[in-house]
N, C-alpha and C. Protein backbone atom coordinates (compact mmCIF):
# COMPACT_ATOMS: atom_id res chain seq x y z
N MET A 1 121.25 82.19 59.57
CA MET A 1 119.39 82.54 58.45
C MET A 1 118.74 80.78 58.42
N ARG A 2 119.57 79.75 58.69
CA ARG A 2 119.00 78.57 59.29
C ARG A 2 117.68 78.64 60.67
N ILE A 3 119.14 79.06 61.04
CA ILE A 3 118.43 79.05 62.76
C ILE A 3 117.32 79.67 62.58
N ARG A 4 116.99 80.98 62.04
CA ARG A 4 115.53 81.31 61.98
C ARG A 4 114.12 80.24 61.65
N TYR A 5 114.88 80.48 60.66
CA TYR A 5 114.27 79.28 59.21
C TYR A 5 113.49 78.64 60.33
N ARG A 6 114.62 77.47 61.07
CA ARG A 6 113.70 76.51 62.23
C ARG A 6 113.23 76.98 63.94
N LEU A 7 113.68 77.87 64.81
CA LEU A 7 112.58 78.71 64.63
C LEU A 7 111.37 78.40 64.81
N MET A 8 111.16 79.73 63.37
CA MET A 8 109.60 80.14 63.30
C MET A 8 108.70 78.58 62.74
N LEU A 9 110.15 77.80 61.87
CA LEU A 9 109.04 75.94 61.73
C LEU A 9 108.43 75.51 63.20
N ALA A 10 109.58 75.96 64.42
CA ALA A 10 109.09 75.43 65.12
C ALA A 10 108.17 75.34 66.46
N GLY A 11 108.05 76.39 66.51
CA GLY A 11 106.67 77.79 66.33
C GLY A 11 104.93 77.51 65.71
N ALA A 12 106.48 77.27 64.14
CA ALA A 12 104.94 76.11 63.27
C ALA A 12 104.01 75.21 63.81
N VAL A 13 105.15 74.31 64.05
CA VAL A 13 104.84 73.22 65.11
C VAL A 13 103.96 73.72 65.95
N ALA A 14 104.26 74.42 67.68
CA ALA A 14 104.34 74.21 68.26
C ALA A 14 102.26 74.96 68.10
N LEU A 15 102.26 75.19 67.40
CA LEU A 15 100.75 76.20 67.73
C LEU A 15 99.86 74.92 66.94
N VAL A 16 100.54 74.43 65.78
CA VAL A 16 99.51 73.21 65.27
C VAL A 16 99.12 72.43 66.22
N VAL A 17 100.29 71.67 66.62
CA VAL A 17 99.87 71.05 67.54
C VAL A 17 99.27 71.26 69.13
N ALA A 18 99.68 72.61 69.60
CA ALA A 18 97.71 72.72 71.04
C ALA A 18 96.69 73.43 70.22
N LEU A 19 96.79 73.87 68.71
CA LEU A 19 95.05 73.53 68.34
C LEU A 19 94.42 72.81 68.20
N VAL A 20 95.46 71.37 67.94
CA VAL A 20 94.89 70.25 67.44
C VAL A 20 94.38 69.28 68.99
N ALA A 21 95.11 69.60 69.67
CA ALA A 21 94.81 70.01 71.51
C ALA A 21 94.27 69.81 71.85
N VAL A 22 93.69 71.45 71.19
CA VAL A 22 92.31 72.36 72.19
C VAL A 22 90.57 70.94 71.22
N ALA A 23 91.42 71.74 69.65
CA ALA A 23 90.29 70.07 69.00
C ALA A 23 90.01 69.08 69.52
N LEU A 24 90.68 68.29 69.70
CA LEU A 24 89.86 67.53 70.53
C LEU A 24 90.37 66.67 71.73
N TRP A 25 90.50 67.64 72.64
CA TRP A 25 90.61 67.98 73.70
C TRP A 25 89.63 66.97 74.50
N PRO A 26 88.56 66.36 75.11
CA PRO A 26 87.43 64.98 75.59
C PRO A 26 86.94 67.00 76.85
N ALA A 27 85.22 66.92 76.12
CA ALA A 27 85.38 67.70 77.17
C ALA A 27 84.67 67.25 78.76
N ALA A 28 84.89 68.15 79.54
CA ALA A 28 83.96 67.49 80.88
C ALA A 28 82.30 67.73 81.37
N PRO A 29 81.78 66.95 81.49
CA PRO A 29 80.50 66.31 81.38
C PRO A 29 79.99 67.73 82.40
N VAL A 30 78.80 69.05 82.25
CA VAL A 30 78.47 69.64 83.30
C VAL A 30 77.69 69.02 84.02
N GLU A 31 78.13 69.61 85.09
CA GLU A 31 77.19 69.22 86.07
C GLU A 31 75.72 70.53 86.91
N HIS A 32 75.00 70.14 86.77
CA HIS A 32 73.66 70.78 87.28
C HIS A 32 73.08 71.11 88.75
N ALA A 33 73.05 71.93 89.30
CA ALA A 33 72.40 71.53 91.11
C ALA A 33 71.60 71.13 91.21
N SER A 34 70.43 71.78 89.79
CA SER A 34 68.86 70.72 89.98
C SER A 34 68.82 70.30 88.53
N PRO A 35 68.57 69.69 88.08
CA PRO A 35 68.63 68.30 87.15
C PRO A 35 66.89 68.89 86.73
N VAL A 36 66.51 68.94 85.24
CA VAL A 36 65.77 69.17 84.09
C VAL A 36 65.31 69.05 85.21
N ALA A 37 63.65 69.00 85.04
CA ALA A 37 62.75 67.70 86.15
C ALA A 37 61.00 67.66 84.50
N PRO A 38 61.05 66.85 84.86
CA PRO A 38 60.16 66.34 83.27
C PRO A 38 58.66 66.61 83.79
N PRO A 39 57.73 67.14 83.24
CA PRO A 39 56.01 67.46 83.63
C PRO A 39 55.99 67.06 84.00
N PRO A 40 54.52 67.33 84.95
CA PRO A 40 53.91 65.90 85.31
C PRO A 40 53.36 64.74 84.44
N GLU A 41 52.96 64.35 85.19
CA GLU A 41 52.79 63.43 83.89
C GLU A 41 50.73 63.55 83.88
N ALA A 42 50.18 64.30 84.43
CA ALA A 42 48.64 64.46 83.64
C ALA A 42 48.90 65.42 82.07
N SER A 43 49.85 66.56 82.85
CA SER A 43 50.12 67.53 81.30
C SER A 43 50.08 67.19 79.80
N VAL A 44 51.51 65.69 80.24
CA VAL A 44 51.61 64.86 78.81
C VAL A 44 50.78 65.07 77.52
N ALA A 45 50.54 65.41 76.94
CA ALA A 45 48.71 64.98 75.63
C ALA A 45 49.87 63.92 74.90
N PRO A 46 48.93 63.08 75.09
CA PRO A 46 49.81 61.64 73.77
C PRO A 46 50.77 61.88 72.79
N LEU A 47 51.17 61.29 72.05
CA LEU A 47 52.01 61.58 71.10
C LEU A 47 51.01 61.99 69.55
N ALA A 48 50.38 61.04 69.37
CA ALA A 48 49.25 62.08 68.51
C ALA A 48 49.13 62.52 67.95
N GLU A 49 48.28 63.19 69.70
CA GLU A 49 47.31 64.53 68.94
C GLU A 49 48.20 65.93 69.20
N THR A 50 49.66 65.97 70.07
CA THR A 50 50.28 67.19 70.04
C THR A 50 50.12 67.41 67.89
N SER A 51 50.45 68.74 68.00
CA SER A 51 51.28 69.13 66.84
C SER A 51 52.71 69.54 66.58
N ALA A 52 53.48 69.82 67.56
CA ALA A 52 54.66 69.86 68.01
C ALA A 52 55.64 68.60 67.18
N PRO A 53 56.76 69.18 66.84
CA PRO A 53 58.55 68.41 65.75
C PRO A 53 58.81 67.17 67.81
N ALA A 54 59.07 66.42 67.04
CA ALA A 54 59.20 66.13 68.40
C ALA A 54 60.78 65.77 67.83
N PRO A 55 61.04 66.52 69.46
CA PRO A 55 62.26 66.81 70.09
C PRO A 55 64.02 66.02 69.03
N VAL A 56 64.85 67.05 69.15
CA VAL A 56 65.60 66.30 67.86
C VAL A 56 67.30 66.20 69.19
N GLN A 57 68.64 65.11 68.76
CA GLN A 57 69.43 65.34 69.47
C GLN A 57 70.11 66.04 69.85
N MET A 58 70.47 66.82 70.33
CA MET A 58 72.06 67.25 69.94
C MET A 58 73.13 66.28 70.51
N PRO A 59 74.81 66.69 69.73
CA PRO A 59 76.19 65.69 69.99
C PRO A 59 76.28 66.68 71.54
N GLY A 60 76.87 65.82 72.67
CA GLY A 60 77.13 65.97 73.99
C GLY A 60 78.03 67.88 74.28
N LYS A 61 77.98 68.58 73.75
CA LYS A 61 79.12 69.93 72.71
C LYS A 61 77.50 70.95 73.98
N ALA A 62 76.52 70.60 72.44
CA ALA A 62 75.53 71.82 72.47
C ALA A 62 74.53 71.46 72.98
N ALA A 63 73.95 69.64 73.77
CA ALA A 63 72.69 70.10 74.87
C ALA A 63 73.25 69.99 75.76
N ALA A 64 74.52 70.54 76.40
CA ALA A 64 75.68 71.06 77.50
C ALA A 64 75.08 72.87 77.46
N ARG A 65 75.20 73.55 76.48
CA ARG A 65 75.21 74.76 76.52
C ARG A 65 73.29 74.93 76.35
N VAL A 66 73.34 73.14 76.38
CA VAL A 66 71.40 74.42 75.96
C VAL A 66 70.08 73.61 77.62
N ALA A 67 71.03 73.13 77.95
CA ALA A 67 70.61 72.94 79.54
C ALA A 67 70.29 73.94 80.25
N PRO A 68 71.38 74.32 80.39
CA PRO A 68 71.25 75.53 81.45
C PRO A 68 69.83 76.97 81.58
N VAL A 69 69.87 76.88 79.99
CA VAL A 69 68.75 77.68 79.23
C VAL A 69 67.60 77.10 79.74
N LEU A 70 66.98 75.19 80.15
CA LEU A 70 65.57 74.89 80.26
C LEU A 70 65.59 75.04 80.71
N ALA A 71 66.25 74.71 82.24
CA ALA A 71 65.46 75.01 83.70
C ALA A 71 65.30 76.51 83.80
N SER A 72 63.94 75.96 84.65
CA SER A 72 63.22 77.23 84.83
C SER A 72 63.88 78.26 86.25
N SER A 73 64.02 79.14 86.75
CA SER A 73 64.43 80.09 86.97
C SER A 73 63.50 79.43 88.61
N GLU A 74 61.77 79.24 88.74
CA GLU A 74 61.55 78.03 90.41
C GLU A 74 62.17 77.32 90.63
N GLU A 75 62.87 76.08 89.37
CA GLU A 75 63.99 74.84 89.46
C GLU A 75 65.50 75.14 90.52
N ARG A 76 65.76 76.68 90.44
CA ARG A 76 67.36 76.23 90.83
C ARG A 76 66.99 76.90 91.67
N SER A 77 67.93 76.70 93.24
CA SER A 77 68.12 76.84 93.46
C SER A 77 69.01 77.71 94.54
N ALA A 78 69.36 78.91 94.98
CA ALA A 78 70.50 79.45 95.80
C ALA A 78 71.67 78.17 96.83
N THR A 79 72.72 78.02 96.46
CA THR A 79 72.80 77.43 97.16
C THR A 79 73.69 78.27 98.70
N MET A 80 73.40 77.54 100.04
CA MET A 80 74.13 77.72 101.22
C MET A 80 74.17 78.21 101.96
N VAL A 81 75.29 78.37 102.89
CA VAL A 81 76.36 78.82 103.76
C VAL A 81 76.53 78.47 104.38
N ALA A 82 76.56 77.77 106.63
CA ALA A 82 76.92 78.25 106.34
C ALA A 82 77.12 79.57 107.59
N LEU A 83 77.25 80.72 108.67
CA LEU A 83 78.54 81.52 108.88
C LEU A 83 78.93 81.04 109.84
N GLY A 84 80.15 81.03 110.12
CA GLY A 84 81.58 81.07 110.15
C GLY A 84 81.47 81.92 111.86
N PRO A 85 82.29 82.04 112.35
CA PRO A 85 82.84 82.75 112.54
C PRO A 85 82.87 84.12 112.93
N GLY A 86 83.01 85.40 113.38
CA GLY A 86 83.53 87.16 112.38
C GLY A 86 81.95 87.51 111.22
N ASP A 87 81.50 86.27 110.52
CA ASP A 87 80.47 86.34 109.37
C ASP A 87 79.56 87.09 110.06
N VAL A 88 78.70 88.47 108.83
CA VAL A 88 77.48 89.29 109.74
C VAL A 88 76.55 89.19 108.09
N ALA A 89 75.86 88.24 108.67
CA ALA A 89 74.36 88.43 107.67
C ALA A 89 74.14 89.89 107.79
N PRO A 90 74.03 89.61 106.06
CA PRO A 90 73.87 90.89 105.16
C PRO A 90 72.43 91.04 105.09
N GLU A 91 72.06 92.69 105.34
CA GLU A 91 70.88 92.71 105.42
C GLU A 91 69.22 92.74 105.04
N PRO A 92 68.47 92.29 104.79
CA PRO A 92 67.47 92.65 103.65
C PRO A 92 66.87 93.37 103.02
N GLU A 93 67.25 93.47 101.87
CA GLU A 93 67.07 94.31 101.50
C GLU A 93 64.77 96.05 101.12
N VAL A 94 65.58 97.08 101.12
CA VAL A 94 64.75 97.47 101.41
C VAL A 94 63.82 98.05 100.56
N GLU A 95 62.26 97.50 99.49
CA GLU A 95 61.21 98.13 98.57
C GLU A 95 60.89 99.51 98.92
N ASN A 96 61.66 100.38 99.90
CA ASN A 96 60.77 101.58 99.31
C ASN A 96 62.35 102.16 99.98
N PRO A 97 63.28 102.94 100.66
CA PRO A 97 63.45 103.62 102.05
C PRO A 97 63.81 104.81 101.68
N PRO A 98 63.37 104.92 102.91
CA PRO A 98 62.82 106.71 103.98
C PRO A 98 63.69 107.92 102.55
N PRO A 99 63.14 108.75 102.24
CA PRO A 99 63.49 109.33 101.37
C PRO A 99 64.51 110.64 102.22
N GLN A 100 65.84 110.72 101.57
CA GLN A 100 67.35 111.66 101.99
C GLN A 100 67.22 112.66 102.41
N GLU A 101 66.96 113.39 103.26
CA GLU A 101 67.54 114.28 103.62
C GLU A 101 68.47 115.50 104.00
N ASN A 102 68.14 116.53 103.03
CA ASN A 102 69.22 116.91 101.65
C ASN A 102 69.49 118.81 103.46
N ASP A 103 70.36 118.94 102.57
CA ASP A 103 70.75 120.20 103.85
C ASP A 103 70.35 121.91 103.27
N GLU A 104 69.36 122.46 104.07
CA GLU A 104 68.76 122.90 103.62
C GLU A 104 70.11 124.09 102.84
N ILE A 105 68.97 124.67 101.72
CA ILE A 105 69.52 125.44 100.76
C ILE A 105 69.54 127.23 101.38
N VAL A 106 71.39 127.50 101.16
CA VAL A 106 70.83 128.97 102.10
C VAL A 106 71.47 130.14 101.08
N PRO A 107 69.96 130.33 101.40
CA PRO A 107 69.99 131.26 100.44
C PRO A 107 71.43 132.25 99.97
N GLU A 108 71.21 132.83 98.27
CA GLU A 108 72.69 134.08 97.70
C GLU A 108 71.80 135.40 98.69
N LEU A 109 74.12 135.64 98.35
CA LEU A 109 72.94 136.97 99.42
C LEU A 109 73.21 137.97 97.92
N PRO A 110 72.36 138.47 98.00
CA PRO A 110 72.48 139.82 97.47
C PRO A 110 73.81 140.13 97.11
N GLN A 111 73.83 140.36 95.32
CA GLN A 111 74.61 141.00 94.94
C GLN A 111 74.89 143.00 94.69
N THR A 112 75.17 142.66 95.66
CA THR A 112 75.01 144.17 95.41
C THR A 112 76.32 145.71 95.63
N ALA A 113 77.35 146.62 94.97
CA ALA A 113 77.92 147.17 94.06
C ALA A 113 79.05 146.28 95.95
N GLN A 114 78.88 147.05 97.16
CA GLN A 114 79.63 146.16 98.10
C GLN A 114 79.57 145.29 98.10
N TRP A 115 79.05 144.03 97.58
CA TRP A 115 79.77 142.87 96.88
C TRP A 115 80.37 142.46 96.72
N ARG A 116 80.02 143.61 94.71
CA ARG A 116 81.06 143.04 93.93
C ARG A 116 82.12 144.02 93.60
N LEU A 117 82.49 144.56 95.04
CA LEU A 117 83.85 145.54 95.27
C LEU A 117 84.84 144.81 96.25
N GLU A 118 83.79 144.20 96.54
CA GLU A 118 84.84 142.95 98.00
C GLU A 118 85.44 142.07 96.29
N LYS A 119 84.70 141.09 96.17
CA LYS A 119 85.12 140.18 95.37
C LYS A 119 85.77 141.24 94.54
N THR A 120 85.46 142.33 93.12
CA THR A 120 86.75 142.74 92.79
C THR A 120 87.88 143.32 93.25
N THR A 121 88.20 143.80 95.12
CA THR A 121 89.31 143.94 95.19
C THR A 121 90.22 142.40 95.16
N HIS A 122 89.43 141.57 96.01
CA HIS A 122 89.95 140.04 96.51
C HIS A 122 90.83 139.36 94.54
N ILE A 123 90.02 140.32 93.77
CA ILE A 123 90.30 139.35 92.63
C ILE A 123 92.04 140.04 91.63
N THR A 124 91.70 141.48 92.08
CA THR A 124 92.37 142.20 92.07
C THR A 124 93.98 141.79 92.92
N ALA A 125 93.61 141.85 93.69
CA ALA A 125 95.15 141.22 94.80
C ALA A 125 95.82 140.09 93.93
N LEU A 126 94.91 139.07 93.96
CA LEU A 126 95.26 137.61 93.77
C LEU A 126 96.31 137.98 92.22
N LEU A 127 95.38 138.49 91.66
CA LEU A 127 96.08 138.62 90.22
C LEU A 127 97.40 139.64 90.18
N GLY A 128 98.05 140.93 91.87
CA GLY A 128 99.38 141.44 91.14
C GLY A 128 99.74 140.68 91.82
N ARG A 129 99.38 139.31 93.28
CA ARG A 129 100.63 138.35 93.63
C ARG A 129 101.09 137.47 91.90
N ASP A 130 100.15 137.30 91.01
CA ASP A 130 100.23 136.34 90.14
C ASP A 130 101.54 137.59 89.07
N VAL A 131 101.33 138.74 89.78
CA VAL A 131 101.20 139.18 88.11
C VAL A 131 103.40 139.36 88.94
N GLU A 132 103.81 139.12 90.49
CA GLU A 132 104.59 139.81 90.87
C GLU A 132 105.93 138.40 90.40
N ARG A 133 105.24 137.07 90.60
CA ARG A 133 105.77 135.30 90.79
C ARG A 133 106.18 135.61 89.17
N LEU A 134 105.04 136.07 87.76
CA LEU A 134 105.53 136.17 86.76
C LEU A 134 106.73 136.31 86.30
N GLU A 135 106.73 137.87 87.72
CA GLU A 135 108.15 138.40 86.75
C GLU A 135 109.16 138.32 87.38
N ARG A 136 109.00 138.19 89.06
CA ARG A 136 110.49 136.35 89.33
C ARG A 136 110.82 135.67 88.31
N GLU A 137 109.93 134.65 87.09
CA GLU A 137 109.82 134.15 87.02
C GLU A 137 110.81 134.00 85.59
N ARG A 138 110.05 135.14 85.01
CA ARG A 138 110.49 135.67 83.61
C ARG A 138 112.45 136.11 84.20
N GLU A 139 112.40 136.47 85.59
CA GLU A 139 113.84 137.37 85.55
C GLU A 139 114.81 135.97 86.02
N GLU A 140 115.22 134.94 86.12
CA GLU A 140 115.22 133.42 86.79
C GLU A 140 115.39 133.19 85.11
N ALA A 141 114.48 133.16 84.51
CA ALA A 141 114.27 132.49 82.98
C ALA A 141 115.29 132.97 82.18
N GLU A 142 115.42 134.84 82.64
CA GLU A 142 116.75 135.53 81.83
C GLU A 142 117.80 135.12 81.93
N THR A 143 117.64 134.90 83.48
CA THR A 143 119.31 134.46 83.86
C THR A 143 120.21 133.22 83.17
N ARG A 144 118.62 132.06 83.53
CA ARG A 144 119.32 130.90 82.76
C ARG A 144 119.97 131.32 81.18
N GLY A 145 119.58 131.88 81.21
CA GLY A 145 119.85 131.68 79.41
C GLY A 145 118.30 131.40 78.07
N ASP A 146 117.35 131.25 79.09
CA ASP A 146 116.15 130.70 78.19
C ASP A 146 115.53 132.44 78.04
N GLU A 147 115.84 132.09 76.64
CA GLU A 147 113.95 133.31 75.84
C GLU A 147 113.41 132.71 75.74
N ARG A 148 113.03 131.81 74.66
CA ARG A 148 111.29 131.17 74.56
C ARG A 148 111.09 130.73 75.85
N ARG A 149 111.12 130.67 77.13
CA ARG A 149 110.01 130.79 77.93
C ARG A 149 109.78 132.71 78.56
N SER A 150 110.84 133.51 78.41
CA SER A 150 111.05 134.46 79.19
C SER A 150 110.85 135.49 78.17
N ALA A 151 110.50 135.62 77.02
CA ALA A 151 109.13 135.22 76.17
C ALA A 151 107.57 134.99 75.98
N GLN A 152 107.12 133.67 76.70
CA GLN A 152 106.16 133.11 77.68
C GLN A 152 105.73 134.20 78.59
N LEU A 153 106.80 134.63 79.46
CA LEU A 153 106.23 134.62 79.94
C LEU A 153 105.81 136.01 80.14
N GLN A 154 107.01 136.93 79.14
CA GLN A 154 106.38 138.26 78.94
C GLN A 154 104.53 138.79 78.96
N THR A 155 104.91 137.53 77.65
CA THR A 155 103.27 137.66 77.17
C THR A 155 102.17 137.94 78.05
N LEU A 156 102.44 136.78 79.12
CA LEU A 156 101.65 136.80 80.02
C LEU A 156 101.19 137.88 81.02
N LEU A 157 103.09 138.68 81.11
CA LEU A 157 103.22 139.73 82.41
C LEU A 157 101.47 141.22 81.99
N GLN A 158 101.82 141.39 79.79
CA GLN A 158 101.31 142.64 79.55
C GLN A 158 99.97 141.72 79.66
N ARG A 159 98.93 140.64 79.96
CA ARG A 159 98.34 140.06 79.33
C ARG A 159 97.34 140.18 80.70
N HIS A 160 98.70 140.43 81.71
CA HIS A 160 98.28 139.95 83.32
C HIS A 160 97.83 141.75 83.57
N ARG A 161 99.31 142.40 83.36
CA ARG A 161 99.43 144.11 83.25
C ARG A 161 97.85 145.12 83.68
N ALA A 162 97.47 143.84 81.70
CA ALA A 162 96.26 145.09 81.26
C ALA A 162 94.99 143.95 82.09
N ARG A 163 94.57 143.28 83.07
CA ARG A 163 93.87 142.87 83.58
C ARG A 163 93.08 143.50 84.61
N LEU A 164 94.55 143.68 84.83
CA LEU A 164 94.49 144.32 86.12
C LEU A 164 94.73 146.49 86.54
N HIS A 165 94.50 146.87 85.02
CA HIS A 165 94.03 147.63 85.10
C HIS A 165 92.67 147.97 85.18
N GLU A 166 91.61 146.39 84.41
CA GLU A 166 91.10 147.21 84.28
C GLU A 166 90.42 146.76 85.40
N LEU A 167 90.76 145.91 86.13
CA LEU A 167 89.88 145.69 87.29
C LEU A 167 90.03 147.19 88.58
N ARG A 168 91.41 147.57 88.62
CA ARG A 168 91.37 148.87 89.20
C ARG A 168 90.63 149.91 89.10
N GLU A 169 90.45 150.01 87.01
CA GLU A 169 89.46 150.91 86.83
C GLU A 169 87.71 150.33 87.79
N GLU A 170 87.68 149.53 87.56
CA GLU A 170 86.25 148.68 88.23
C GLU A 170 85.82 148.17 89.13
N ILE A 171 87.19 148.90 90.34
CA ILE A 171 86.88 149.47 91.27
C ILE A 171 86.95 150.24 91.74
N GLN A 172 87.72 151.57 91.14
CA GLN A 172 87.03 153.10 91.05
C GLN A 172 85.73 153.28 90.94
N GLU A 173 84.73 152.51 89.95
CA GLU A 173 83.01 152.65 89.51
C GLU A 173 83.13 152.11 90.32
N LEU A 174 83.24 151.17 90.73
CA LEU A 174 82.55 150.02 92.30
C LEU A 174 82.41 150.61 93.97
N ASN A 175 83.03 151.10 93.50
CA ASN A 175 83.62 152.82 94.80
C ASN A 175 82.57 153.44 95.04
N GLU A 176 83.15 153.79 93.76
CA GLU A 176 81.67 155.43 93.81
C GLU A 176 80.18 155.26 93.74
N ALA A 177 79.66 153.22 93.19
CA ALA A 177 78.47 152.79 92.90
C ALA A 177 78.00 152.17 95.05
N ALA A 178 79.15 152.54 95.34
CA ALA A 178 78.95 151.40 96.44
C ALA A 178 78.17 152.76 97.74
N LYS A 179 79.44 153.42 97.20
CA LYS A 179 79.13 154.11 98.46
C LYS A 179 77.49 155.59 97.78
N GLN A 180 77.06 154.94 96.22
CA GLN A 180 75.32 156.05 96.57
C GLN A 180 74.65 154.84 97.62
N GLU A 181 75.16 153.66 97.14
CA GLU A 181 73.79 153.04 97.78
C GLU A 181 74.50 152.53 99.20
N GLN A 182 75.36 152.98 100.05
CA GLN A 182 74.86 152.68 101.24
C GLN A 182 74.34 154.51 101.38
N GLU A 183 74.24 155.20 100.88
CA GLU A 183 74.04 156.51 101.36
C GLU A 183 71.96 156.08 101.12
N SER A 184 71.80 155.55 100.51
CA SER A 184 70.62 155.26 99.61
C SER A 184 69.71 154.54 100.61
N SER A 185 70.75 154.58 101.79
CA SER A 185 70.03 152.36 102.68
C SER A 185 70.03 153.08 103.58
N GLY A 186 71.49 154.61 103.30
CA GLY A 186 70.87 154.97 104.87
C GLY A 186 70.10 156.02 105.70
N GLU A 187 69.28 156.82 104.48
CA GLU A 187 67.68 158.21 104.64
C GLU A 187 67.49 156.77 105.00
């Protein structure tokens, strides 16, 4: 028990020491690439004529935080670095790039009865393969003794078979419609 309290006490002391060290650590002076330039002499009015309040003295840390805000964007300059071997200069920005050319839009094929018949036949074939796969999986689940999975697969099989039956009826109707469409276009 005493070891726990000693460890907690040592951790608390270490935390307090770290907080005190951070609070008392001397702040490093902030150096700026371009110091704030005083305004030109011509624009400086005598102090008696201006109605602006006198500047307030700030402590070191606060002045360091405010100084970058006071520097205008004109006074800041970019750092120039010489290109080394193998370096590539960036391309200049272009204000109005040429418009991108898109691929041509292929017109949609007419959704005729023949087209629908082919799509439905394809879907029916895929669904038939799924039914066969599910039947194999159900048999494997039964041999493993996994009754829960077997019941899930049986439910899926019933749904797939019902949909397969609906698609086969739809294929017969579309087959009739495709024949009529072909006869009317052939005349």
